[in-house]
Protein backbone atom coordinates (compact mmCIF):
# COMPACT_ATOMS: atom_id res chain seq x y z
CA MET A 1 57.37 116.31 132.21
CA SER A 2 59.88 117.68 129.71
CA ALA A 3 57.75 119.34 127.01
CA PRO A 4 57.24 123.11 127.33
CA PRO A 5 53.98 124.72 126.16
CA GLY A 6 54.13 125.09 122.39
CA GLY A 7 57.59 123.47 122.26
CA ARG A 8 56.70 119.82 121.84
CA ASN A 9 58.00 119.78 118.28
CA LEU A 10 61.52 120.26 119.66
CA VAL A 11 61.43 117.91 122.63
CA SER A 12 63.39 115.26 120.76
CA CYS A 13 65.97 117.61 119.25
CA GLY A 14 69.04 119.51 120.34
CA LEU A 15 72.52 119.17 121.76
CA PHE A 16 73.34 119.66 125.43
CA VAL A 17 75.70 122.50 124.49
CA LEU A 18 74.01 125.30 126.32
CA MET A 19 74.78 126.02 129.94
CA LEU A 20 71.57 126.20 131.90
CA VAL A 21 72.58 129.43 133.57
CA ALA A 22 75.60 131.52 132.67
CA GLY A 23 78.18 131.19 135.41
CA GLY A 24 75.67 129.44 137.71
CA SER A 25 76.28 126.32 139.77
CA HIS A 26 73.90 124.35 137.51
CA GLY A 27 75.61 125.28 134.22
CA LEU A 28 77.79 123.12 132.02
CA ALA A 29 80.60 125.57 131.34
CA SER A 30 84.08 124.14 131.12
CA ASP A 31 85.41 127.63 131.75
CA GLU A 32 84.39 128.74 135.23
CA LYS A 33 85.35 132.39 134.71
CA LYS A 34 82.46 134.81 134.81
CA PRO A 35 81.43 135.82 131.28
CA ILE A 36 82.13 139.35 130.07
CA VAL A 37 79.01 141.22 128.96
CA SER A 38 79.61 143.15 125.74
CA ASP A 39 78.74 146.85 125.78
CA LYS A 40 77.51 146.54 122.17
CA PRO A 41 73.75 146.10 121.60
CA LEU A 42 72.50 143.05 119.76
CA SER A 43 72.44 143.69 116.01
CA ALA A 44 69.39 143.38 113.78
CA GLU A 45 70.97 140.21 112.34
CA GLN A 46 71.41 138.62 115.77
CA LEU A 47 67.87 139.51 116.81
CA ALA A 48 66.50 138.02 113.57
CA ILE A 49 68.27 134.73 114.34
CA TYR A 50 67.00 134.65 117.92
CA ARG A 51 63.51 135.39 116.62
CA ALA A 52 63.73 132.37 114.29
CA VAL A 53 64.82 130.14 117.19
CA LEU A 54 61.96 131.35 119.39
CA LYS A 55 59.47 130.88 116.56
CA ARG A 56 60.60 127.26 116.13
CA PHE A 57 60.59 126.57 119.86
CA LEU A 58 57.11 127.98 120.38
CA SER A 59 54.47 126.48 118.10
CA ASP A 60 52.11 129.13 119.43
CA ASP A 61 52.28 132.14 121.73
CA SER A 62 50.44 130.57 124.65
CA GLY A 63 51.76 131.16 128.13
CA GLY A 64 54.71 133.27 129.16
CA LEU A 65 58.39 132.57 128.61
CA ASN A 66 61.09 133.71 131.02
CA LEU A 67 64.07 134.62 128.84
CA SER A 68 67.46 134.99 130.46
CA ILE A 69 68.49 138.61 130.09
CA GLN A 70 71.99 137.42 129.29
CA THR A 71 73.17 135.01 126.61
CA VAL A 72 75.68 132.29 127.44
CA PRO A 73 79.05 131.79 125.73
CA VAL A 74 79.62 129.42 122.85
CA GLU A 75 81.41 126.34 124.13
CA THR A 76 84.37 125.56 121.88
CA GLU A 77 85.95 122.56 123.65
CA GLY A 78 84.78 119.33 125.18
CA PRO A 79 81.98 116.86 124.42
CA PHE A 80 79.28 119.55 124.22
CA ALA A 81 81.03 121.82 121.72
CA GLY A 82 78.69 120.95 118.84
CA HIS A 83 81.34 120.01 116.30
CA ASP A 84 78.77 118.09 114.25
CA CYS A 85 76.97 121.37 113.60
CA VAL A 86 79.94 123.00 111.89
CA LYS A 87 80.93 120.19 109.53
CA GLY A 88 81.46 121.59 106.05
CA LEU A 89 81.23 125.22 107.25
CA ASP A 90 84.08 127.74 107.32
CA MET A 91 83.32 129.36 110.66
CA GLU A 92 84.38 132.72 112.04
CA PRO A 93 86.61 132.60 115.13
CA VAL A 94 84.60 132.59 118.35
CA GLN A 95 85.18 135.21 121.04
CA PRO A 96 85.44 133.05 124.16
CA ASN A 97 83.53 134.03 127.29
CA ILE A 98 81.82 137.04 125.65
CA VAL A 99 78.05 137.40 126.04
CA HIS A 100 75.35 139.99 125.29
CA ALA A 101 72.43 141.35 127.26
CA PHE A 102 68.91 141.68 125.89
CA LYS A 103 67.27 145.09 126.30
CA ASN A 104 63.58 145.77 126.82
CA ASP A 105 63.53 147.43 123.40
CA ASP A 106 64.60 144.11 121.85
CA LEU A 107 61.45 142.29 122.95
CA SER A 108 59.17 143.60 120.20
CA ARG A 109 61.75 142.61 117.58
CA LEU A 110 61.90 139.04 118.92
CA GLY A 111 58.27 138.50 117.94
CA VAL A 112 56.98 136.82 121.14
CA SER A 113 54.63 139.08 123.06
CA SER A 114 54.76 136.96 126.22
CA LEU A 115 58.54 137.16 126.70
CA ARG A 116 59.78 138.36 130.08
CA LEU A 117 63.45 139.21 130.66
CA VAL A 118 64.77 137.67 133.87
CA ASP A 119 68.00 137.47 135.82
CA PRO A 120 69.21 133.87 135.29
CA ASP A 121 70.48 133.41 138.83
CA GLN A 122 67.27 134.67 140.42
CA GLN A 123 65.11 132.67 138.03
CA GLY A 124 67.21 129.61 138.73
CA LYS A 125 66.09 129.83 142.36
CA GLU A 126 62.47 130.01 141.18
CA VAL A 127 63.00 126.93 139.01
CA LYS A 128 64.33 124.95 141.96
CA LYS A 129 61.55 126.14 144.27
CA ASN A 130 58.86 125.19 141.72
CA ASP A 131 60.45 121.96 140.49
CA PRO A 132 57.50 119.67 139.55
CA GLY A 133 59.19 116.75 141.28
CA LYS A 134 59.13 118.66 144.57
CA THR A 135 55.60 120.00 144.27
CA ILE A 136 54.20 116.57 143.30
CA ARG A 137 55.71 115.11 146.46
CA LYS A 138 53.87 117.82 148.40
CA GLY A 139 50.54 116.61 147.02
CA VAL A 140 50.08 118.86 143.97
CA SER A 141 48.55 117.07 141.00
CA VAL A 142 50.89 116.16 138.14
CA ASP A 143 49.15 118.47 135.66
CA ASP A 144 49.20 121.44 138.03
CA ALA A 145 52.80 120.78 139.07
CA VAL A 146 54.01 120.64 135.47
CA LYS A 147 52.01 123.72 134.48
CA ASN A 148 53.50 125.63 137.42
CA GLY A 149 56.99 124.35 136.57
CA PHE A 150 56.65 125.59 132.99
CA ALA A 151 55.44 128.99 134.23
CA HIS A 152 58.63 129.41 136.30
CA ALA A 153 61.03 127.84 133.77
CA LEU A 154 64.15 129.56 132.48
CA PHE A 155 64.77 129.82 128.74
CA SER A 156 68.35 130.67 127.74
CA LEU A 157 70.00 131.40 124.39
CA SER A 158 73.65 131.09 123.52
CA GLU A 159 75.84 133.47 121.62
CA ILE A 160 75.64 132.98 117.85
CA SER A 161 78.38 131.40 115.75
CA PHE A 162 78.54 132.51 112.11
CA ASP A 163 80.28 131.13 109.07
CA LYS A 164 82.57 133.61 107.36
CA LYS A 165 80.00 134.51 104.69
CA HIS A 166 77.24 134.98 107.29
CA GLU A 167 75.09 132.52 105.37
CA HIS A 168 74.84 130.04 108.26
CA ALA A 169 74.46 130.55 111.99
CA ILE A 170 74.54 128.15 114.93
CA VAL A 171 72.77 128.91 118.19
CA SER A 172 71.86 126.80 121.23
CA TYR A 173 68.92 127.03 123.59
CA SER A 174 67.89 125.56 126.95
CA PHE A 175 64.45 125.26 128.54
CA TRP A 176 65.01 124.37 132.21
CA CYS A 177 62.04 123.71 134.47
CA GLY A 178 63.44 121.37 137.13
CA SER A 179 65.78 118.50 137.91
CA LEU A 180 63.84 116.16 135.60
CA CYS A 181 62.13 118.80 133.52
CA GLY A 182 63.65 120.47 130.47
CA ASN A 183 65.11 120.14 127.01
CA GLY A 184 67.55 121.95 124.77
CA GLY A 185 69.60 121.85 121.63
CA SER A 186 71.75 123.40 118.95
CA LEU A 187 70.21 124.62 115.70
CA VAL A 188 71.73 125.53 112.37
CA LEU A 189 70.00 128.40 110.59
CA VAL A 190 70.47 129.59 107.01
CA ARG A 191 70.07 133.08 105.57
CA LYS A 192 67.88 133.58 102.52
CA GLY A 193 68.00 137.22 101.53
CA GLU A 194 67.42 139.11 104.75
CA LYS A 195 65.51 136.29 106.44
CA TRP A 196 66.94 133.58 108.67
CA SER A 197 65.25 130.19 108.88
CA PHE A 198 65.83 126.81 110.51
CA GLN A 199 67.93 124.35 108.48
CA THR A 200 68.85 121.44 110.74
CA GLN A 201 69.45 120.33 114.31
CA CYS A 202 72.30 118.51 116.02
CA GLY A 203 71.44 115.74 118.46
CA GLY A 204 69.27 116.31 121.52
CA TRP A 205 68.79 116.22 125.28
CA ILE A 206 65.75 115.81 127.48
CA SER A 207 65.61 115.64 131.26
């Protein structure tokens, strides 16, 4: 029940670094303060990295994807901080508790035509209401329950951590579709010229 449409190649990868919803009751943040949304738009570099993550997560462009309109902070402390990802890299300091908001104009640059920007708190309610475990208990078939759960799932992206030369970037993602439905991880990307591409992954979680 954990594989999203087009994302089966990543079901076994990732690190449970990413909060499921920024500031929400179902997140994993060690810092409970509400994140501060930057007034700066996402840069072309940041959007290129997010595009590479989405391209790897989705093996095709089938179905829609509900993208949280707001990123989540990079976690710097605790067991989910992703220290294995940064080994050997001279990283820039992280701005704690700072996040960005996606704009409608960013969607075309992310390269997934079926993306829909959603409020993470509101979509979190939809996830719980359409949890496949609940709908199966109500008599819905497994296939239909999972398909409906995927359709209402929440996909979230973290802030991006860069090394000081901006040759490597680390970003986390979460696909949350119910209490026992979802997966996520942390990815290391490398810049080649002006293009960012996947290099490696760090651990994994599936629910």
